[in-house]
Amino acid sequence: ETDTPLFPVRPQQTEPSAAESAINDLSAEELEQVKVWIEELGADEFATRERAATYLLEIGDPIIVRLRSVANESADAEVRLRADEIVKQLTRGDMKSRIEDFLAGEDVNFEGWQVARSIMGDSDAVRELFVELMQTHPTLAASMDGAPRDRAVAMDAVMTQVQNRMLIERKFPTRANAFGLLLPTVDPNVPLNASFESMLLSVLQKEAASKIRRDAQLYPPFRFLLNRWVSRSTLTSREEVLLLGMDWDLDATLPLAAQTLGEANQTETLAVALQAIARFGDKSQAELVRPLLDDQRPAAERGFTPAEMTRTQLGDLAMATIAVLYEVPLAEL
């Protein structure tokens, strides 16, 4: 944990980017000719369109930014389509080489990488995972450099994709899906809800999460992300989250359980919170538990002893929790 913001505000760029510098290298005459060829992408004659596309491909990198703008903003659908295709042809080979350099450990300025690295660290496994995130959830990777709203929108997109994968395609979630759901939750300004947590809890029960747990390089950052999410999880999913925290032995489980005693009213949720406190706590938590000693609400189904039928109350669980905190054998109690 650190007090340094994980999503720092990026200063405005004062130096021109490489793409801006490249297009500035073109002369005024060349820029005018580029404008003509872009317009000809929407020409009625097939030969004119093909010729314009060929000339634009020959110019290459210096006009990628201009072509992207055209692909997004042109009023002519044909021009947008062809400009987008040219951009894809120009960047496909370049992206492959950049990914190879990135996986080899070189500094490659992918969108979102610097923030992702500050959260997850830098290792071969993390770099491989980040490439998977870029390919599987490109909006999410880019949102790391954006605002909370960008990350919230990206999280919704990840949820939709994971839901389609699980329910429609009938496929298991991947490790990129698991990390993709968790990464936006590190930003405290990204809202969480019960639907999101239900999906995340489901993904965490699948094989991908189990494999991450056994991965020496990926488990530490995944555990960090889990702790950050658990610490701000909603009350709606509290019982399941506490059980998950105990299963994964998460540090955030104890403070969340202590918080739950003051928030929850359902006996089932309070019972799991007491279990977590007994598991991770010490004598200092006994005072938090003490108010429940007189709670007579039933905490379990009726059971039988050799002499009589019994029913455990919430106060009994509170008493047992304090006994465990003080290392008093439950058999004595």
Protein backbone atom coordinates (compact mmCIF):
# COMPACT_ATOMS: atom_id res chain seq x y z
CA GLU A 1 0.00 0.00 0.00
CA THR A 2 1.19 3.51 -0.74
CA ASP A 3 -0.14 7.03 -0.34
CA THR A 4 1.03 7.86 -3.87
CA PRO A 5 -2.02 8.10 -6.17
CA LEU A 6 -2.22 5.07 -8.43
CA PHE A 7 -3.97 7.12 -11.09
CA PRO A 8 -2.00 10.40 -11.19
CA VAL A 9 -3.21 13.30 -13.27
CA ARG A 10 -1.12 13.38 -16.42
CA PRO A 11 0.51 16.70 -17.26
CA GLN A 12 -0.32 18.15 -20.64
CA GLN A 13 2.18 17.19 -23.31
CA THR A 14 4.39 20.12 -24.22
CA GLU A 15 6.70 18.31 -26.61
CA PRO A 16 5.23 17.20 -29.96
CA SER A 17 4.59 13.48 -30.22
CA ALA A 18 6.47 11.31 -32.70
CA ALA A 19 3.39 11.20 -34.93
CA GLU A 20 3.02 14.99 -34.86
CA SER A 21 6.72 15.43 -35.64
CA ALA A 22 6.41 13.01 -38.56
CA ILE A 23 3.55 14.85 -40.24
CA ASN A 24 5.35 18.16 -39.69
CA ASP A 25 8.15 16.79 -41.86
CA LEU A 26 5.86 16.83 -44.89
CA SER A 27 5.93 19.90 -47.09
CA ALA A 28 2.87 22.07 -47.72
CA GLU A 29 2.58 20.61 -51.23
CA GLU A 30 2.73 17.06 -49.87
CA LEU A 31 0.10 17.81 -47.24
CA GLU A 32 -2.18 19.26 -49.92
CA GLN A 33 -1.69 16.16 -52.05
CA VAL A 34 -2.50 13.95 -49.03
CA LYS A 35 -5.73 15.88 -48.59
CA VAL A 36 -6.66 15.19 -52.23
CA TRP A 37 -5.90 11.48 -51.96
CA ILE A 38 -7.99 11.21 -48.79
CA GLU A 39 -10.94 12.80 -50.59
CA GLU A 40 -10.43 10.37 -53.48
CA LEU A 41 -10.92 7.44 -51.11
CA GLY A 42 -14.62 8.11 -51.59
CA ALA A 43 -14.47 8.53 -55.39
CA ASP A 44 -17.04 6.77 -57.57
CA GLU A 45 -14.35 5.11 -59.74
CA PHE A 46 -12.77 2.03 -58.25
CA ALA A 47 -9.41 2.75 -59.92
CA THR A 48 -9.28 6.24 -58.38
CA ARG A 49 -10.00 4.88 -54.89
CA GLU A 50 -7.35 2.18 -55.23
CA ARG A 51 -4.75 4.61 -56.56
CA ALA A 52 -5.37 7.03 -53.68
CA ALA A 53 -5.10 4.21 -51.12
CA THR A 54 -1.82 3.02 -52.70
CA TYR A 55 -0.28 6.50 -52.56
CA LEU A 56 -1.35 6.97 -48.92
CA LEU A 57 0.14 3.60 -47.96
CA GLU A 58 3.43 4.64 -49.58
CA ILE A 59 3.63 7.76 -47.39
CA GLY A 60 3.05 5.58 -44.33
CA ASP A 61 3.61 6.60 -40.71
CA PRO A 62 3.60 10.41 -41.13
CA ILE A 63 -0.12 10.43 -41.95
CA ILE A 64 -1.42 7.80 -39.50
CA VAL A 65 -2.75 10.46 -37.12
CA ARG A 66 -4.48 12.31 -39.98
CA LEU A 67 -6.01 9.07 -41.28
CA ARG A 68 -7.27 8.11 -37.82
CA SER A 69 -8.98 11.47 -37.56
CA VAL A 70 -10.58 10.95 -40.96
CA ALA A 71 -11.67 7.42 -40.03
CA ASN A 72 -13.48 8.82 -36.98
CA GLU A 73 -14.84 12.11 -38.29
CA SER A 74 -15.39 12.03 -42.08
CA ALA A 75 -18.98 12.52 -43.20
CA ASP A 76 -18.37 10.03 -46.05
CA ALA A 77 -18.84 6.43 -44.86
CA GLU A 78 -16.67 5.09 -47.71
CA VAL A 79 -13.82 7.44 -46.78
CA ARG A 80 -14.10 6.45 -43.10
CA LEU A 81 -13.99 2.74 -43.97
CA ARG A 82 -11.00 2.99 -46.31
CA ALA A 83 -9.05 5.33 -44.03
CA ASP A 84 -9.54 2.91 -41.15
CA GLU A 85 -8.33 -0.01 -43.29
CA ILE A 86 -5.19 1.90 -44.31
CA VAL A 87 -4.43 2.68 -40.66
CA LYS A 88 -4.77 -1.00 -39.81
CA GLN A 89 -2.40 -1.96 -42.62
CA LEU A 90 0.15 0.64 -41.55
CA THR A 91 0.08 -0.24 -37.86
CA ARG A 92 -0.29 -4.03 -37.98
CA GLY A 93 3.37 -4.79 -38.58
CA ASP A 94 4.52 -1.97 -36.32
CA MET A 95 2.36 -3.21 -33.43
CA LYS A 96 3.77 -6.71 -33.77
CA SER A 97 7.35 -5.46 -33.53
CA ARG A 98 6.48 -3.16 -30.62
CA ILE A 99 4.92 -6.06 -28.72
CA GLU A 100 8.02 -8.17 -29.37
CA ASP A 101 10.24 -5.37 -28.04
CA PHE A 102 7.93 -4.90 -25.04
CA LEU A 103 8.00 -8.61 -24.16
CA ALA A 104 11.79 -8.52 -24.45
CA GLY A 105 11.84 -5.96 -21.63
CA GLU A 106 12.38 -2.79 -23.66
CA ASP A 107 10.66 0.51 -22.88
CA VAL A 108 7.64 0.75 -25.18
CA ASN A 109 5.11 3.48 -24.54
CA PHE A 110 1.84 1.56 -24.69
CA GLU A 111 -1.22 3.41 -23.41
CA GLY A 112 -1.85 2.54 -19.76
CA TRP A 113 1.39 0.62 -19.24
CA GLN A 114 3.04 3.07 -16.84
CA VAL A 115 0.00 3.10 -14.56
CA ALA A 116 -0.46 -0.66 -14.83
CA ARG A 117 3.20 -1.14 -13.94
CA SER A 118 2.86 1.09 -10.88
CA ILE A 119 0.03 -1.18 -9.70
CA MET A 120 1.25 -4.64 -10.73
CA GLY A 121 5.01 -4.25 -10.95
CA ASP A 122 7.21 -5.17 -13.89
CA SER A 123 8.00 -8.80 -14.68
CA ASP A 124 7.89 -11.08 -17.71
CA ALA A 125 4.54 -12.48 -16.60
CA VAL A 126 3.05 -9.02 -15.99
CA ARG A 127 4.18 -7.83 -19.43
CA GLU A 128 2.62 -10.90 -21.06
CA LEU A 129 -0.57 -10.23 -19.13
CA PHE A 130 -0.62 -6.57 -20.21
CA VAL A 131 -0.36 -7.61 -23.87
CA GLU A 132 -3.33 -9.94 -23.29
CA LEU A 133 -5.24 -7.03 -21.72
CA MET A 134 -4.48 -4.78 -24.70
CA GLN A 135 -5.70 -7.44 -27.09
CA THR A 136 -8.70 -8.62 -25.08
CA HIS A 137 -9.80 -5.36 -23.43
CA PRO A 138 -8.13 -2.49 -25.38
CA THR A 139 -10.47 0.13 -23.92
CA LEU A 140 -9.46 -0.87 -20.40
CA ALA A 141 -5.73 -0.65 -21.09
CA ALA A 142 -6.16 2.83 -22.56
CA SER A 143 -8.40 3.93 -19.67
CA MET A 144 -5.53 3.53 -17.22
CA ASP A 145 -4.24 6.89 -18.49
CA GLY A 146 -7.69 8.47 -18.41
CA ALA A 147 -10.23 9.78 -15.91
CA PRO A 148 -12.40 7.77 -13.46
CA ARG A 149 -15.27 7.95 -15.93
CA ASP A 150 -13.09 6.33 -18.60
CA ARG A 151 -12.27 3.47 -16.23
CA ALA A 152 -15.92 3.08 -15.22
CA VAL A 153 -16.96 2.85 -18.90
CA ALA A 154 -14.13 0.40 -19.58
CA MET A 155 -15.19 -1.74 -16.60
CA ASP A 156 -18.72 -1.95 -17.99
CA ALA A 157 -17.27 -3.06 -21.34
CA VAL A 158 -15.19 -5.75 -19.63
CA MET A 159 -18.27 -6.95 -17.74
CA THR A 160 -20.25 -7.24 -20.97
CA GLN A 161 -17.47 -9.14 -22.71
CA VAL A 162 -16.94 -11.53 -19.80
CA GLN A 163 -20.69 -12.10 -19.51
CA ASN A 164 -20.93 -12.95 -23.21
CA ARG A 165 -17.97 -15.28 -22.93
CA MET A 166 -19.44 -17.18 -19.99
CA LEU A 167 -23.16 -17.21 -20.82
CA ILE A 168 -23.32 -17.10 -24.61
CA GLU A 169 -20.04 -18.60 -25.82
CA ARG A 170 -20.03 -21.07 -22.92
CA LYS A 171 -16.32 -20.53 -22.32
CA PHE A 172 -14.42 -20.16 -19.07
CA PRO A 173 -13.05 -16.71 -18.20
CA THR A 174 -9.36 -16.06 -18.81
CA ARG A 175 -6.75 -14.50 -16.57
CA ALA A 176 -7.07 -11.31 -18.65
CA ASN A 177 -10.79 -11.31 -17.79
CA ALA A 178 -10.04 -11.67 -14.07
CA PHE A 179 -7.43 -8.90 -14.04
CA GLY A 180 -9.60 -6.78 -16.35
CA LEU A 181 -12.45 -6.81 -13.86
CA LEU A 182 -10.23 -5.98 -10.89
CA LEU A 183 -7.96 -3.27 -12.29
CA PRO A 184 -10.57 -0.46 -12.45
CA THR A 185 -11.59 -1.10 -8.83
CA VAL A 186 -8.26 0.26 -7.63
CA ASP A 187 -9.59 3.72 -8.49
CA PRO A 188 -11.79 4.72 -5.50
CA ASN A 189 -13.80 6.98 -7.81
CA VAL A 190 -15.03 4.05 -9.92
CA PRO A 191 -18.38 2.98 -8.45
CA LEU A 192 -19.07 -0.68 -7.60
CA ASN A 193 -22.42 -2.45 -7.52
CA ALA A 194 -23.89 -5.84 -6.71
CA SER A 195 -24.03 -6.96 -10.36
CA PHE A 196 -20.34 -6.32 -10.83
CA GLU A 197 -19.41 -8.09 -7.60
CA SER A 198 -21.60 -11.07 -8.43
CA MET A 199 -19.79 -11.52 -11.75
CA LEU A 200 -16.37 -11.00 -10.18
CA LEU A 201 -17.10 -13.55 -7.44
CA SER A 202 -18.16 -16.01 -10.12
CA VAL A 203 -14.94 -15.46 -12.10
CA LEU A 204 -12.86 -15.91 -8.95
CA GLN A 205 -14.31 -19.40 -8.53
CA LYS A 206 -13.12 -20.51 -11.97
CA GLU A 207 -9.89 -22.18 -13.06
CA ALA A 208 -8.27 -18.96 -14.31
CA ALA A 209 -8.20 -17.54 -10.77
CA SER A 210 -6.82 -20.82 -9.42
CA LYS A 211 -4.00 -20.71 -11.97
CA ILE A 212 -3.19 -17.11 -11.05
CA ARG A 213 -3.03 -18.20 -7.42
CA ARG A 214 -0.34 -20.74 -8.33
CA ASP A 215 1.65 -18.26 -10.45
CA ALA A 216 4.58 -16.87 -8.46
CA GLN A 217 4.78 -13.68 -10.57
CA LEU A 218 1.09 -12.92 -11.06
CA TYR A 219 -0.27 -13.88 -7.65
CA PRO A 220 1.27 -10.93 -5.72
CA PRO A 221 -0.27 -8.22 -7.97
CA PHE A 222 -3.54 -10.15 -8.14
CA ARG A 223 -3.61 -10.40 -4.36
CA PHE A 224 -2.96 -6.66 -4.14
CA LEU A 225 -5.90 -5.98 -6.46
CA LEU A 226 -8.13 -8.33 -4.48
CA ASN A 227 -7.27 -6.56 -1.23
CA ARG A 228 -8.06 -3.16 -2.74
CA TRP A 229 -11.43 -4.37 -4.02
CA VAL A 230 -12.33 -6.22 -0.80
CA SER A 231 -11.64 -3.10 1.25
CA ARG A 232 -14.34 -1.17 -0.66
CA SER A 233 -16.78 -3.96 -1.51
CA THR A 234 -20.50 -3.36 -1.07
CA LEU A 235 -22.59 -4.58 1.85
CA THR A 236 -24.84 -6.47 -0.57
CA SER A 237 -22.13 -9.05 -1.29
CA ARG A 238 -20.45 -8.85 2.11
CA GLU A 239 -21.01 -12.45 3.21
CA GLU A 240 -19.50 -13.89 0.00
CA VAL A 241 -16.64 -11.37 0.02
CA LEU A 242 -15.68 -12.25 3.61
CA LEU A 243 -15.72 -15.95 2.78
CA LEU A 244 -13.51 -15.23 -0.24
CA GLY A 245 -11.16 -13.17 1.92
CA MET A 246 -10.77 -16.05 4.34
CA ASP A 247 -10.23 -18.51 1.50
CA TRP A 248 -7.54 -16.33 -0.10
CA ASP A 249 -6.12 -15.25 3.28
CA LEU A 250 -6.45 -11.57 2.37
CA ASP A 251 -5.20 -8.81 4.69
CA ALA A 252 -8.27 -6.66 4.01
CA THR A 253 -10.61 -9.31 5.44
CA LEU A 254 -10.14 -8.41 9.12
CA PRO A 255 -10.83 -4.65 8.84
CA LEU A 256 -13.78 -5.42 6.57
CA ALA A 257 -15.17 -7.89 9.12
CA ALA A 258 -14.79 -5.32 11.91
CA GLN A 259 -16.54 -2.74 9.71
CA THR A 260 -19.33 -5.24 9.02
CA LEU A 261 -20.23 -5.52 12.71
CA GLY A 262 -21.28 -1.87 12.59
CA GLU A 263 -22.99 -2.03 9.20
CA ALA A 264 -24.80 -5.34 8.85
CA ASN A 265 -27.99 -6.51 10.51
CA GLN A 266 -28.48 -9.94 8.96
CA THR A 267 -27.41 -12.73 11.30
CA GLU A 268 -25.80 -14.75 8.49
CA THR A 269 -23.55 -11.84 7.53
CA LEU A 270 -22.69 -11.07 11.15
CA ALA A 271 -21.86 -14.74 11.76
CA VAL A 272 -19.36 -14.78 8.87
CA ALA A 273 -17.85 -11.50 10.10
CA LEU A 274 -17.35 -13.06 13.56
CA GLN A 275 -15.74 -16.08 11.93
CA ALA A 276 -13.30 -13.81 10.07
CA ILE A 277 -12.46 -11.89 13.25
CA ALA A 278 -11.83 -15.15 15.10
CA ARG A 279 -9.59 -16.26 12.25
CA PHE A 280 -7.49 -13.14 11.74
CA GLY A 281 -8.02 -11.02 14.87
CA ASP A 282 -6.48 -10.64 18.31
CA LYS A 283 -7.62 -9.43 21.74
CA SER A 284 -7.95 -5.86 20.50
CA GLN A 285 -11.05 -6.86 18.49
CA ALA A 286 -12.85 -8.34 21.51
CA GLU A 287 -14.40 -4.98 22.42
CA LEU A 288 -15.99 -4.78 18.95
CA VAL A 289 -17.58 -8.20 19.48
CA ARG A 290 -18.81 -7.63 23.05
CA PRO A 291 -22.08 -5.79 22.13
CA LEU A 292 -23.30 -8.98 20.42
CA LEU A 293 -22.99 -11.14 23.55
CA ASP A 294 -26.64 -10.49 24.47
CA ASP A 295 -27.97 -10.98 20.93
CA GLN A 296 -30.47 -13.85 21.12
CA ARG A 297 -31.27 -14.09 17.43
CA PRO A 298 -30.83 -17.64 16.08
CA ALA A 299 -27.60 -18.08 14.16
CA ALA A 300 -28.03 -21.71 13.05
CA GLU A 301 -30.63 -24.41 12.54
CA ARG A 302 -31.77 -26.43 15.54
CA GLY A 303 -29.34 -29.14 16.61
CA PHE A 304 -29.25 -31.93 19.13
CA THR A 305 -27.07 -32.79 22.09
CA PRO A 306 -27.30 -36.06 24.02
CA ALA A 307 -29.63 -34.38 26.52
CA GLU A 308 -31.69 -31.82 24.63
CA MET A 309 -32.45 -29.97 21.41
CA THR A 310 -30.46 -26.73 21.12
CA ARG A 311 -30.31 -23.66 18.92
CA THR A 312 -27.17 -21.55 18.58
CA GLN A 313 -27.73 -17.82 19.03
CA LEU A 314 -25.66 -14.96 17.69
CA GLY A 315 -24.52 -14.23 21.24
CA ASP A 316 -23.06 -17.75 21.41
CA LEU A 317 -20.97 -17.04 18.33
CA ALA A 318 -19.81 -13.76 19.85
CA MET A 319 -18.78 -15.60 23.03
CA ALA A 320 -16.91 -18.23 20.99
CA THR A 321 -15.18 -15.50 18.97
CA ILE A 322 -13.91 -13.75 22.11
CA ALA A 323 -12.75 -17.10 23.48
CA VAL A 324 -10.72 -17.74 20.33
CA LEU A 325 -9.22 -14.24 20.48
CA TYR A 326 -8.13 -14.95 24.08
CA GLU A 327 -6.97 -18.46 23.14
CA VAL A 328 -9.47 -20.09 25.48
CA PRO A 329 -10.26 -23.67 24.34
CA LEU A 330 -13.83 -23.82 23.03
CA ALA A 331 -14.35 -27.18 24.74
CA GLU A 332 -13.84 -25.42 28.11
CA LEU A 333 -16.27 -22.67 27.15
